[in-house]
Amino acid sequence: MTREEVFQYAAARYGTEPAYLWRKYPRYAVLRHDQGKWYGLVVNVSAKTLGLDATDAEQDVLVVKGDPEEIAILQQSRGFLPAYHMNKRHWITVLLTDPQAARQVPSLLAESFALTSD
């Protein structure tokens, strides 16, 4: 799944568009509710930073909020990592380039949207 497909899905399902908040990181995009609360973060991060390998090749990832018990289980699967730049107990990183992980993006976005809607 590509970042653009995530944005298209979020627009169609939740009526939200990505917000680019940081000049220093022009490709970092936040998905948020009308009141401003985040339910997703799409960023490009080096594989080295994610602990995947020693290269600086960039990976597009989605960071979403989830149930801590589910997050612990998902982190045992390929394509899921501890949250990048968020609380690692309540958020998880999804490698968008991993087909198995990417298939779960719609349900993970739904859970994150619900958990952050108050």
PDB file of N, CA and C in Angstrom:
ATOM      1  N   MET A   1       0.854  -1.176   0.000  1.00  0.00           N
ATOM      2  CA  MET A   1       0.000   0.000   0.000  1.00  0.00           C
ATOM      3  C   MET A   1       0.892   1.228   0.000  1.00  0.00           C
ATOM      4  N   THR A   2       0.512   2.224  -0.757  1.00  0.00           N
ATOM      5  CA  THR A   2       1.288   3.455  -0.806  1.00  0.00           C
ATOM      6  C   THR A   2       0.690   4.491   0.128  1.00  0.00           C
ATOM      7  N   ARG A   3       1.467   5.502   0.419  1.00  0.00           N
ATOM      8  CA  ARG A   3       0.964   6.605   1.245  1.00  0.00           C
ATOM      9  C   ARG A   3      -0.242   7.260   0.582  1.00  0.00           C
ATOM     10  N   GLU A   4      -0.217   7.374  -0.754  1.00  0.00           N
ATOM     11  CA  GLU A   4      -1.335   7.986  -1.473  1.00  0.00           C
ATOM     12  C   GLU A   4      -2.606   7.156  -1.314  1.00  0.00           C
ATOM     13  N   GLU A   5      -2.461   5.833  -1.310  1.00  0.00           N
ATOM     14  CA  GLU A   5      -3.632   4.968  -1.094  1.00  0.00           C
ATOM     15  C   GLU A   5      -4.179   5.134   0.320  1.00  0.00           C
ATOM     16  N   VAL A   6      -3.312   5.320   1.297  1.00  0.00           N
ATOM     17  CA  VAL A   6      -3.771   5.585   2.666  1.00  0.00           C
ATOM     18  C   VAL A   6      -4.567   6.891   2.690  1.00  0.00           C
ATOM     19  N   PHE A   7      -4.045   7.919   2.032  1.00  0.00           N
ATOM     20  CA  PHE A   7      -4.726   9.211   2.010  1.00  0.00           C
ATOM     21  C   PHE A   7      -6.070   9.119   1.288  1.00  0.00           C
ATOM     22  N   GLN A   8      -6.119   8.381   0.187  1.00  0.00           N
ATOM     23  CA  GLN A   8      -7.376   8.201  -0.548  1.00  0.00           C
ATOM     24  C   GLN A   8      -8.401   7.474   0.314  1.00  0.00           C
ATOM     25  N   TYR A   9      -7.958   6.446   1.021  1.00  0.00           N
ATOM     26  CA  TYR A   9      -8.847   5.703   1.903  1.00  0.00           C
ATOM     27  C   TYR A   9      -9.373   6.608   3.019  1.00  0.00           C
ATOM     28  N   ALA A  10      -8.488   7.366   3.651  1.00  0.00           N
ATOM     29  CA  ALA A  10      -8.895   8.260   4.747  1.00  0.00           C
ATOM     30  C   ALA A  10      -9.879   9.314   4.247  1.00  0.00           C
ATOM     31  N   ALA A  11      -9.660   9.831   3.053  1.00  0.00           N
ATOM     32  CA  ALA A  11     -10.571  10.838   2.495  1.00  0.00           C
ATOM     33  C   ALA A  11     -11.943  10.232   2.225  1.00  0.00           C
ATOM     34  N   ALA A  12     -11.967   9.042   1.638  1.00  0.00           N
ATOM     35  CA  ALA A  12     -13.239   8.402   1.302  1.00  0.00           C
ATOM     36  C   ALA A  12     -13.993   7.933   2.547  1.00  0.00           C
ATOM     37  N   ARG A  13     -13.286   7.348   3.498  1.00  0.00           N
ATOM     38  CA  ARG A  13     -13.932   6.749   4.673  1.00  0.00           C
ATOM     39  C   ARG A  13     -14.209   7.761   5.780  1.00  0.00           C
ATOM     40  N   TYR A  14     -13.279   8.684   6.019  1.00  0.00           N
ATOM     41  CA  TYR A  14     -13.392   9.590   7.162  1.00  0.00           C
ATOM     42  C   TYR A  14     -13.520  11.056   6.774  1.00  0.00           C
ATOM     43  N   GLY A  15     -13.407  11.340   5.502  1.00  0.00           N
ATOM     44  CA  GLY A  15     -13.525  12.730   5.048  1.00  0.00           C
ATOM     45  C   GLY A  15     -12.378  13.608   5.495  1.00  0.00           C
ATOM     46  N   THR A  16     -11.212  13.004   5.694  1.00  0.00           N
ATOM     47  CA  THR A  16     -10.059  13.780   6.156  1.00  0.00           C
ATOM     48  C   THR A  16      -8.962  13.807   5.099  1.00  0.00           C
ATOM     49  N   GLU A  17      -8.262  14.891   5.074  1.00  0.00           N
ATOM     50  CA  GLU A  17      -7.124  15.071   4.176  1.00  0.00           C
ATOM     51  C   GLU A  17      -5.857  15.152   5.014  1.00  0.00           C
ATOM     52  N   PRO A  18      -4.731  14.741   4.473  1.00  0.00           N
ATOM     53  CA  PRO A  18      -3.485  14.831   5.240  1.00  0.00           C
ATOM     54  C   PRO A  18      -3.102  16.289   5.494  1.00  0.00           C
ATOM     55  N   ALA A  19      -2.567  16.530   6.657  1.00  0.00           N
ATOM     56  CA  ALA A  19      -2.060  17.860   7.017  1.00  0.00           C
ATOM     57  C   ALA A  19      -0.545  17.758   7.138  1.00  0.00           C
ATOM     58  N   TYR A  20       0.137  18.668   6.462  1.00  0.00           N
ATOM     59  CA  TYR A  20       1.601  18.691   6.489  1.00  0.00           C
ATOM     60  C   TYR A  20       2.017  19.836   7.416  1.00  0.00           C
ATOM     61  N   LEU A  21       2.477  19.473   8.601  1.00  0.00           N
ATOM     62  CA  LEU A  21       2.674  20.450   9.666  1.00  0.00           C
ATOM     63  C   LEU A  21       4.102  20.950   9.840  1.00  0.00           C
ATOM     64  N   TRP A  22       5.081  20.255   9.260  1.00  0.00           N
ATOM     65  CA  TRP A  22       6.467  20.588   9.545  1.00  0.00           C
ATOM     66  C   TRP A  22       7.238  20.924   8.281  1.00  0.00           C
ATOM     67  N   ARG A  23       7.762  22.106   8.239  1.00  0.00           N
ATOM     68  CA  ARG A  23       8.574  22.543   7.101  1.00  0.00           C
ATOM     69  C   ARG A  23       9.828  21.670   6.958  1.00  0.00           C
ATOM     70  N   LYS A  24      10.413  21.292   8.096  1.00  0.00           N
ATOM     71  CA  LYS A  24      11.625  20.472   8.085  1.00  0.00           C
ATOM     72  C   LYS A  24      11.363  19.072   7.532  1.00  0.00           C
ATOM     73  N   TYR A  25      10.132  18.589   7.668  1.00  0.00           N
ATOM     74  CA  TYR A  25       9.754  17.248   7.207  1.00  0.00           C
ATOM     75  C   TYR A  25       8.547  17.370   6.274  1.00  0.00           C
ATOM     76  N   PRO A  26       8.772  17.790   5.049  1.00  0.00           N
ATOM     77  CA  PRO A  26       7.661  18.091   4.142  1.00  0.00           C
ATOM     78  C   PRO A  26       6.802  16.896   3.736  1.00  0.00           C
ATOM     79  N   ARG A  27       7.278  15.675   3.934  1.00  0.00           N
ATOM     80  CA  ARG A  27       6.485  14.500   3.568  1.00  0.00           C
ATOM     81  C   ARG A  27       5.781  13.879   4.774  1.00  0.00           C
ATOM     82  N   TYR A  28       6.003  14.395   5.968  1.00  0.00           N
ATOM     83  CA  TYR A  28       5.316  13.900   7.156  1.00  0.00           C
ATOM     84  C   TYR A  28       3.892  14.438   7.131  1.00  0.00           C
ATOM     85  N   ALA A  29       2.920  13.538   7.187  1.00  0.00           N
ATOM     86  CA  ALA A  29       1.516  13.931   7.087  1.00  0.00           C
ATOM     87  C   ALA A  29       0.722  13.386   8.272  1.00  0.00           C
ATOM     88  N   VAL A  30      -0.127  14.231   8.809  1.00  0.00           N
ATOM     89  CA  VAL A  30      -0.978  13.864   9.928  1.00  0.00           C
ATOM     90  C   VAL A  30      -2.403  13.667   9.422  1.00  0.00           C
ATOM     91  N   LEU A  31      -3.039  12.600   9.890  1.00  0.00           N
ATOM     92  CA  LEU A  31      -4.461  12.396   9.657  1.00  0.00           C
ATOM     93  C   LEU A  31      -5.148  12.731  10.971  1.00  0.00           C
ATOM     94  N   ARG A  32      -6.096  13.658  10.912  1.00  0.00           N
ATOM     95  CA  ARG A  32      -6.702  14.093  12.174  1.00  0.00           C
ATOM     96  C   ARG A  32      -8.189  14.380  12.024  1.00  0.00           C
ATOM     97  N   HIS A  33      -8.850  14.310  13.182  1.00  0.00           N
ATOM     98  CA  HIS A  33     -10.277  14.617  13.274  1.00  0.00           C
ATOM     99  C   HIS A  33     -10.495  16.116  13.086  1.00  0.00           C
ATOM    100  N   ASP A  34     -11.759  16.493  12.913  1.00  0.00           N
ATOM    101  CA  ASP A  34     -12.097  17.914  12.764  1.00  0.00           C
ATOM    102  C   ASP A  34     -11.600  18.745  13.945  1.00  0.00           C
ATOM    103  N   GLN A  35     -11.662  18.180  15.156  1.00  0.00           N
ATOM    104  CA  GLN A  35     -11.224  18.921  16.336  1.00  0.00           C
ATOM    105  C   GLN A  35      -9.703  18.946  16.469  1.00  0.00           C
ATOM    106  N   GLY A  36      -8.993  18.284  15.552  1.00  0.00           N
ATOM    107  CA  GLY A  36      -7.539  18.355  15.530  1.00  0.00           C
ATOM    108  C   GLY A  36      -6.805  17.166  16.107  1.00  0.00           C
ATOM    109  N   LYS A  37      -7.507  16.246  16.743  1.00  0.00           N
ATOM    110  CA  LYS A  37      -6.852  15.093  17.348  1.00  0.00           C
ATOM    111  C   LYS A  37      -6.368  14.126  16.261  1.00  0.00           C
ATOM    112  N   TRP A  38      -5.134  13.691  16.404  1.00  0.00           N
ATOM    113  CA  TRP A  38      -4.528  12.793  15.415  1.00  0.00           C
ATOM    114  C   TRP A  38      -5.076  11.376  15.540  1.00  0.00           C
ATOM    115  N   TYR A  39      -5.305  10.728  14.392  1.00  0.00           N
ATOM    116  CA  TYR A  39      -5.582   9.292  14.399  1.00  0.00           C
ATOM    117  C   TYR A  39      -4.583   8.532  13.526  1.00  0.00           C
ATOM    118  N   GLY A  40      -3.745   9.253  12.817  1.00  0.00           N
ATOM    119  CA  GLY A  40      -2.727   8.600  12.004  1.00  0.00           C
ATOM    120  C   GLY A  40      -1.599   9.552  11.653  1.00  0.00           C
ATOM    121  N   LEU A  41      -0.452   8.984  11.412  1.00  0.00           N
ATOM    122  CA  LEU A  41       0.730   9.746  11.020  1.00  0.00           C
ATOM    123  C   LEU A  41       1.433   8.934   9.932  1.00  0.00           C
ATOM    124  N   VAL A  42       1.639   9.549   8.773  1.00  0.00           N
ATOM    125  CA  VAL A  42       2.356   8.895   7.680  1.00  0.00           C
ATOM    126  C   VAL A  42       3.680   9.618   7.517  1.00  0.00           C
ATOM    127  N   VAL A  43       4.770   8.866   7.665  1.00  0.00           N
ATOM    128  CA  VAL A  43       6.099   9.458   7.591  1.00  0.00           C
ATOM    129  C   VAL A  43       7.017   8.585   6.747  1.00  0.00           C
ATOM    130  N   ASN A  44       8.075   9.196   6.273  1.00  0.00           N
ATOM    131  CA  ASN A  44       9.134   8.462   5.592  1.00  0.00           C
ATOM    132  C   ASN A  44      10.359   8.494   6.499  1.00  0.00           C
ATOM    133  N   VAL A  45      10.842   7.303   6.828  1.00  0.00           N
ATOM    134  CA  VAL A  45      11.928   7.153   7.792  1.00  0.00           C
ATOM    135  C   VAL A  45      12.953   6.182   7.212  1.00  0.00           C
ATOM    136  N   SER A  46      14.223   6.402   7.513  1.00  0.00           N
ATOM    137  CA  SER A  46      15.246   5.498   7.003  1.00  0.00           C
ATOM    138  C   SER A  46      15.106   4.120   7.644  1.00  0.00           C
ATOM    139  N   ALA A  47      15.465   3.116   6.869  1.00  0.00           N
ATOM    140  CA  ALA A  47      15.435   1.739   7.373  1.00  0.00           C
ATOM    141  C   ALA A  47      16.331   1.598   8.598  1.00  0.00           C
ATOM    142  N   LYS A  48      17.445   2.328   8.600  1.00  0.00           N
ATOM    143  CA  LYS A  48      18.359   2.279   9.737  1.00  0.00           C
ATOM    144  C   LYS A  48      17.682   2.801  11.002  1.00  0.00           C
ATOM    145  N   THR A  49      16.956   3.895  10.897  1.00  0.00           N
ATOM    146  CA  THR A  49      16.252   4.468  12.045  1.00  0.00           C
ATOM    147  C   THR A  49      15.220   3.497  12.606  1.00  0.00           C
ATOM    148  N   LEU A  50      14.578   2.757  11.713  1.00  0.00           N
ATOM    149  CA  LEU A  50      13.565   1.788  12.134  1.00  0.00           C
ATOM    150  C   LEU A  50      14.176   0.486  12.652  1.00  0.00           C
ATOM    151  N   GLY A  51      15.497   0.343  12.497  1.00  0.00           N
ATOM    152  CA  GLY A  51      16.157  -0.869  12.945  1.00  0.00           C
ATOM    153  C   GLY A  51      16.008  -2.034  11.980  1.00  0.00           C
ATOM    154  N   LEU A  52      15.679  -1.736  10.724  1.00  0.00           N
ATOM    155  CA  LEU A  52      15.470  -2.798   9.739  1.00  0.00           C
ATOM    156  C   LEU A  52      16.766  -3.254   9.097  1.00  0.00           C
ATOM    157  N   ASP A  53      17.620  -2.314   8.749  1.00  0.00           N
ATOM    158  CA  ASP A  53      18.941  -2.630   8.216  1.00  0.00           C
ATOM    159  C   ASP A  53      19.814  -1.398   8.328  1.00  0.00           C
ATOM    160  N   ALA A  54      21.007  -1.459   7.800  1.00  0.00           N
ATOM    161  CA  ALA A  54      21.974  -0.373   7.980  1.00  0.00           C
ATOM    162  C   ALA A  54      21.925   0.671   6.868  1.00  0.00           C
ATOM    163  N   THR A  55      20.929   0.623   6.016  1.00  0.00           N
ATOM    164  CA  THR A  55      20.884   1.579   4.907  1.00  0.00           C
ATOM    165  C   THR A  55      20.047   2.791   5.270  1.00  0.00           C
ATOM    166  N   ASP A  56      20.229   3.825   4.479  1.00  0.00           N
ATOM    167  CA  ASP A  56      19.428   5.032   4.651  1.00  0.00           C
ATOM    168  C   ASP A  56      18.217   5.038   3.720  1.00  0.00           C
ATOM    169  N   ALA A  57      17.929   3.901   3.091  1.00  0.00           N
ATOM    170  CA  ALA A  57      16.764   3.804   2.204  1.00  0.00           C
ATOM    171  C   ALA A  57      15.509   4.130   3.010  1.00  0.00           C
ATOM    172  N   GLU A  58      14.687   5.008   2.463  1.00  0.00           N
ATOM    173  CA  GLU A  58      13.495   5.443   3.198  1.00  0.00           C
ATOM    174  C   GLU A  58      12.340   4.457   3.059  1.00  0.00           C
ATOM    175  N   GLN A  59      11.599   4.333   4.141  1.00  0.00           N
ATOM    176  CA  GLN A  59      10.407   3.501   4.212  1.00  0.00           C
ATOM    177  C   GLN A  59       9.230   4.395   4.548  1.00  0.00           C
ATOM    178  N   ASP A  60       8.122   4.230   3.837  1.00  0.00           N
ATOM    179  CA  ASP A  60       6.897   4.913   4.223  1.00  0.00           C
ATOM    180  C   ASP A  60       6.199   4.055   5.258  1.00  0.00           C
ATOM    181  N   VAL A  61       5.821   4.684   6.368  1.00  0.00           N
ATOM    182  CA  VAL A  61       5.147   3.969   7.441  1.00  0.00           C
ATOM    183  C   VAL A  61       3.922   4.754   7.890  1.00  0.00           C
ATOM    184  N   LEU A  62       2.999   4.018   8.473  1.00  0.00           N
ATOM    185  CA  LEU A  62       1.803   4.599   9.071  1.00  0.00           C
ATOM    186  C   LEU A  62       1.854   4.302  10.560  1.00  0.00           C
ATOM    187  N   VAL A  63       1.620   5.305  11.370  1.00  0.00           N
ATOM    188  CA  VAL A  63       1.580   5.131  12.824  1.00  0.00           C
ATOM    189  C   VAL A  63       0.139   5.355  13.268  1.00  0.00           C
ATOM    190  N   VAL A  64      -0.437   4.360  13.957  1.00  0.00           N
ATOM    191  CA  VAL A  64      -1.830   4.428  14.393  1.00  0.00           C
ATOM    192  C   VAL A  64      -1.944   4.040  15.860  1.00  0.00           C
ATOM    193  N   LYS A  65      -3.027   4.499  16.470  1.00  0.00           N
ATOM    194  CA  LYS A  65      -3.309   4.163  17.865  1.00  0.00           C
ATOM    195  C   LYS A  65      -4.065   2.842  17.911  1.00  0.00           C
ATOM    196  N   GLY A  66      -3.812   2.066  18.958  1.00  0.00           N
ATOM    197  CA  GLY A  66      -4.501   0.793  19.104  1.00  0.00           C
ATOM    198  C   GLY A  66      -4.572   0.351  20.545  1.00  0.00           C
ATOM    199  N   ASP A  67      -5.247  -0.749  20.745  1.00  0.00           N
ATOM    200  CA  ASP A  67      -5.349  -1.364  22.061  1.00  0.00           C
ATOM    201  C   ASP A  67      -3.971  -1.932  22.429  1.00  0.00           C
ATOM    202  N   PRO A  68      -3.460  -1.633  23.621  1.00  0.00           N
ATOM    203  CA  PRO A  68      -2.120  -2.105  23.999  1.00  0.00           C
ATOM    204  C   PRO A  68      -1.912  -3.610  23.855  1.00  0.00           C
ATOM    205  N   GLU A  69      -2.931  -4.408  24.173  1.00  0.00           N
ATOM    206  CA  GLU A  69      -2.786  -5.859  24.037  1.00  0.00           C
ATOM    207  C   GLU A  69      -2.676  -6.262  22.570  1.00  0.00           C
ATOM    208  N   GLU A  70      -3.466  -5.642  21.710  1.00  0.00           N
ATOM    209  CA  GLU A  70      -3.406  -5.933  20.274  1.00  0.00           C
ATOM    210  C   GLU A  70      -2.063  -5.481  19.697  1.00  0.00           C
ATOM    211  N   ILE A  71      -1.591  -4.328  20.158  1.00  0.00           N
ATOM    212  CA  ILE A  71      -0.296  -3.822  19.690  1.00  0.00           C
ATOM    213  C   ILE A  71       0.816  -4.809  20.037  1.00  0.00           C
ATOM    214  N   ALA A  72       0.794  -5.343  21.237  1.00  0.00           N
ATOM    215  CA  ALA A  72       1.811  -6.312  21.653  1.00  0.00           C
ATOM    216  C   ALA A  72       1.792  -7.539  20.755  1.00  0.00           C
ATOM    217  N   ILE A  73       0.607  -7.974  20.358  1.00  0.00           N
ATOM    218  CA  ILE A  73       0.483  -9.138  19.466  1.00  0.00           C
ATOM    219  C   ILE A  73       0.969  -8.791  18.066  1.00  0.00           C
ATOM    220  N   LEU A  74       0.536  -7.644  17.549  1.00  0.00           N
ATOM    221  CA  LEU A  74       0.923  -7.247  16.198  1.00  0.00           C
ATOM    222  C   LEU A  74       2.437  -7.096  16.060  1.00  0.00           C
ATOM    223  N   GLN A  75       3.089  -6.615  17.100  1.00  0.00           N
ATOM    224  CA  GLN A  75       4.537  -6.405  17.035  1.00  0.00           C
ATOM    225  C   GLN A  75       5.309  -7.710  16.892  1.00  0.00           C
ATOM    226  N   GLN A  76       4.648  -8.824  17.093  1.00  0.00           N
ATOM    227  CA  GLN A  76       5.284 -10.125  16.890  1.00  0.00           C
ATOM    228  C   GLN A  76       5.249 -10.531  15.412  1.00  0.00           C
ATOM    229  N   SER A  77       4.492  -9.788  14.607  1.00  0.00           N
ATOM    230  CA  SER A  77       4.324 -10.104  13.189  1.00  0.00           C
ATOM    231  C   SER A  77       5.223  -9.234  12.333  1.00  0.00           C
ATOM    232  N   ARG A  78       5.598  -9.778  11.178  1.00  0.00           N
ATOM    233  CA  ARG A  78       6.383  -9.027  10.212  1.00  0.00           C
ATOM    234  C   ARG A  78       5.574  -7.828   9.724  1.00  0.00           C
ATOM    235  N   GLY A  79       6.240  -6.700   9.566  1.00  0.00           N
ATOM    236  CA  GLY A  79       5.588  -5.510   9.047  1.00  0.00           C
ATOM    237  C   GLY A  79       5.092  -4.550  10.110  1.00  0.00           C
ATOM    238  N   PHE A  80       5.252  -4.915  11.368  1.00  0.00           N
ATOM    239  CA  PHE A  80       4.821  -4.064  12.478  1.00  0.00           C
ATOM    240  C   PHE A  80       6.009  -3.812  13.401  1.00  0.00           C
ATOM    241  N   LEU A  81       6.120  -2.563  13.834  1.00  0.00           N
ATOM    242  CA  LEU A  81       7.224  -2.150  14.700  1.00  0.00           C
ATOM    243  C   LEU A  81       6.694  -1.281  15.830  1.00  0.00           C
ATOM    244  N   PRO A  82       7.493  -1.099  16.884  1.00  0.00           N
ATOM    245  CA  PRO A  82       7.086  -0.136  17.909  1.00  0.00           C
ATOM    246  C   PRO A  82       6.843   1.229  17.268  1.00  0.00           C
ATOM    247  N   ALA A  83       5.975   1.984  17.845  1.00  0.00           N
ATOM    248  CA  ALA A  83       5.602   3.285  17.280  1.00  0.00           C
ATOM    249  C   ALA A  83       6.808   4.177  17.070  1.00  0.00           C
ATOM    250  N   TYR A  84       6.845   4.781  15.908  1.00  0.00           N
ATOM    251  CA  TYR A  84       7.893   5.752  15.620  1.00  0.00           C
ATOM    252  C   TYR A  84       7.425   7.097  16.133  1.00  0.00           C
ATOM    253  N   HIS A  85       8.140   7.658  17.063  1.00  0.00           N
ATOM    254  CA  HIS A  85       7.918   9.016  17.557  1.00  0.00           C
ATOM    255  C   HIS A  85       6.591   9.181  18.306  1.00  0.00           C
ATOM    256  N   MET A  86       6.028   8.094  18.824  1.00  0.00           N
ATOM    257  CA  MET A  86       4.783   8.172  19.596  1.00  0.00           C
ATOM    258  C   MET A  86       4.912   7.209  20.787  1.00  0.00           C
ATOM    259  N   ASN A  87       3.917   7.238  21.667  1.00  0.00           N
ATOM    260  CA  ASN A  87       3.877   6.345  22.816  1.00  0.00           C
ATOM    261  C   ASN A  87       3.839   4.898  22.323  1.00  0.00           C
ATOM    262  N   LYS A  88       4.824   4.114  22.666  1.00  0.00           N
ATOM    263  CA  LYS A  88       4.969   2.769  22.118  1.00  0.00           C
ATOM    264  C   LYS A  88       3.983   1.759  22.698  1.00  0.00           C
ATOM    265  N   ARG A  89       3.318   2.101  23.768  1.00  0.00           N
ATOM    266  CA  ARG A  89       2.319   1.197  24.337  1.00  0.00           C
ATOM    267  C   ARG A  89       0.975   1.346  23.626  1.00  0.00           C
ATOM    268  N   HIS A  90       0.669   2.550  23.172  1.00  0.00           N
ATOM    269  CA  HIS A  90      -0.648   2.829  22.593  1.00  0.00           C
ATOM    270  C   HIS A  90      -0.631   3.047  21.080  1.00  0.00           C
ATOM    271  N   TRP A  91       0.532   3.137  20.491  1.00  0.00           N
ATOM    272  CA  TRP A  91       0.657   3.379  19.054  1.00  0.00           C
ATOM    273  C   TRP A  91       1.580   2.345  18.442  1.00  0.00           C
ATOM    274  N   ILE A  92       1.377   2.064  17.160  1.00  0.00           N
ATOM    275  CA  ILE A  92       2.186   1.072  16.453  1.00  0.00           C
ATOM    276  C   ILE A  92       2.531   1.590  15.061  1.00  0.00           C
ATOM    277  N   THR A  93       3.687   1.185  14.572  1.00  0.00           N
ATOM    278  CA  THR A  93       4.135   1.533  13.228  1.00  0.00           C
ATOM    279  C   THR A  93       3.824   0.383  12.282  1.00  0.00           C
ATOM    280  N   VAL A  94       3.230   0.721  11.148  1.00  0.00           N
ATOM    281  CA  VAL A  94       2.901  -0.254  10.111  1.00  0.00           C
ATOM    282  C   VAL A  94       3.773   0.046   8.896  1.00  0.00           C
ATOM    283  N   LEU A  95       4.544  -0.935   8.433  1.00  0.00           N
ATOM    284  CA  LEU A  95       5.336  -0.759   7.219  1.00  0.00           C
ATOM    285  C   LEU A  95       4.396  -0.864   6.020  1.00  0.00           C
ATOM    286  N   LEU A  96       4.218   0.229   5.307  1.00  0.00           N
ATOM    287  CA  LEU A  96       3.288   0.226   4.185  1.00  0.00           C
ATOM    288  C   LEU A  96       3.776  -0.641   3.034  1.00  0.00           C
ATOM    289  N   THR A  97       5.072  -0.923   2.981  1.00  0.00           N
ATOM    290  CA  THR A  97       5.619  -1.756   1.916  1.00  0.00           C
ATOM    291  C   THR A  97       5.453  -3.250   2.176  1.00  0.00           C
ATOM    292  N   ASP A  98       5.032  -3.614   3.362  1.00  0.00           N
ATOM    293  CA  ASP A  98       4.824  -5.020   3.681  1.00  0.00           C
ATOM    294  C   ASP A  98       3.374  -5.397   3.351  1.00  0.00           C
ATOM    295  N   PRO A  99       3.154  -6.281   2.379  1.00  0.00           N
ATOM    296  CA  PRO A  99       1.783  -6.605   1.954  1.00  0.00           C
ATOM    297  C   PRO A  99       0.890  -7.129   3.082  1.00  0.00           C
ATOM    298  N   GLN A 100       1.437  -7.970   3.938  1.00  0.00           N
ATOM    299  CA  GLN A 100       0.643  -8.530   5.038  1.00  0.00           C
ATOM    300  C   GLN A 100       0.187  -7.425   5.994  1.00  0.00           C
ATOM    301  N   ALA A 101       1.092  -6.549   6.352  1.00  0.00           N
ATOM    302  CA  ALA A 101       0.756  -5.452   7.261  1.00  0.00           C
ATOM    303  C   ALA A 101      -0.188  -4.465   6.583  1.00  0.00           C
ATOM    304  N   ALA A 102       0.070  -4.161   5.319  1.00  0.00           N
ATOM    305  CA  ALA A 102      -0.744  -3.182   4.594  1.00  0.00           C
ATOM    306  C   ALA A 102      -2.200  -3.627   4.467  1.00  0.00           C
ATOM    307  N   ARG A 103      -2.447  -4.929   4.382  1.00  0.00           N
ATOM    308  CA  ARG A 103      -3.828  -5.422   4.307  1.00  0.00           C
ATOM    309  C   ARG A 103      -4.629  -5.052   5.554  1.00  0.00           C
ATOM    310  N   GLN A 104      -3.944  -4.823   6.656  1.00  0.00           N
ATOM    311  CA  GLN A 104      -4.633  -4.511   7.911  1.00  0.00           C
ATOM    312  C   GLN A 104      -4.843  -3.013   8.126  1.00  0.00           C
ATOM    313  N   VAL A 105      -4.355  -2.197   7.212  1.00  0.00           N
ATOM    314  CA  VAL A 105      -4.457  -0.745   7.374  1.00  0.00           C
ATOM    315  C   VAL A 105      -5.899  -0.278   7.558  1.00  0.00           C
ATOM    316  N   PRO A 106      -6.880  -0.718   6.755  1.00  0.00           N
ATOM    317  CA  PRO A 106      -8.246  -0.231   6.983  1.00  0.00           C
ATOM    318  C   PRO A 106      -8.779  -0.501   8.391  1.00  0.00           C
ATOM    319  N   SER A 107      -8.568  -1.708   8.900  1.00  0.00           N
ATOM    320  CA  SER A 107      -9.073  -2.007  10.248  1.00  0.00           C
ATOM    321  C   SER A 107      -8.282  -1.266  11.315  1.00  0.00           C
ATOM    322  N   LEU A 108      -6.982  -1.104  11.107  1.00  0.00           N
ATOM    323  CA  LEU A 108      -6.174  -0.355  12.073  1.00  0.00           C
ATOM    324  C   LEU A 108      -6.545   1.127  12.080  1.00  0.00           C
ATOM    325  N   LEU A 109      -6.809   1.691  10.917  1.00  0.00           N
ATOM    326  CA  LEU A 109      -7.256   3.088  10.864  1.00  0.00           C
ATOM    327  C   LEU A 109      -8.614   3.247  11.543  1.00  0.00           C
ATOM    328  N   ALA A 110      -9.506   2.283  11.335  1.00  0.00           N
ATOM    329  CA  ALA A 110     -10.833   2.349  11.967  1.00  0.00           C
ATOM    330  C   ALA A 110     -10.711   2.345  13.484  1.00  0.00           C
ATOM    331  N   GLU A 111      -9.861   1.459  14.001  1.00  0.00           N
ATOM    332  CA  GLU A 111      -9.663   1.403  15.455  1.00  0.00           C
ATOM    333  C   GLU A 111      -9.038   2.698  15.969  1.00  0.00           C
ATOM    334  N   SER A 112      -8.033   3.187  15.269  1.00  0.00           N
ATOM    335  CA  SER A 112      -7.372   4.413  15.687  1.00  0.00           C
ATOM    336  C   SER A 112      -8.335   5.591  15.646  1.00  0.00           C
ATOM    337  N   PHE A 113      -9.132   5.662  14.594  1.00  0.00           N
ATOM    338  CA  PHE A 113     -10.115   6.742  14.467  1.00  0.00           C
ATOM    339  C   PHE A 113     -11.093   6.714  15.645  1.00  0.00           C
ATOM    340  N   ALA A 114     -11.581   5.511  15.970  1.00  0.00           N
ATOM    341  CA  ALA A 114     -12.522   5.372  17.092  1.00  0.00           C
ATOM    342  C   ALA A 114     -11.881   5.717  18.427  1.00  0.00           C
ATOM    343  N   LEU A 115     -10.646   5.260  18.643  1.00  0.00           N
ATOM    344  CA  LEU A 115      -9.977   5.505  19.915  1.00  0.00           C
ATOM    345  C   LEU A 115      -9.620   6.985  20.136  1.00  0.00           C
ATOM    346  N   THR A 116      -9.513   7.737  19.075  1.00  0.00           N
ATOM    347  CA  THR A 116      -9.121   9.140  19.192  1.00  0.00           C
ATOM    348  C   THR A 116     -10.267  10.111  18.930  1.00  0.00           C
ATOM    349  N   SER A 117     -11.483   9.600  18.834  1.00  0.00           N
ATOM    350  CA  SER A 117     -12.595  10.468  18.431  1.00  0.00           C
ATOM    351  C   SER A 117     -13.215  11.288  19.554  1.00  0.00           C
ATOM    352  N   ASP A 118     -12.832  11.071  20.784  1.00  0.00           N
ATOM    353  CA  ASP A 118     -13.462  11.843  21.872  1.00  0.00           C
ATOM    354  C   ASP A 118     -12.798  13.178  22.101  1.00  0.00           C
TER     355      ASP A 118
END
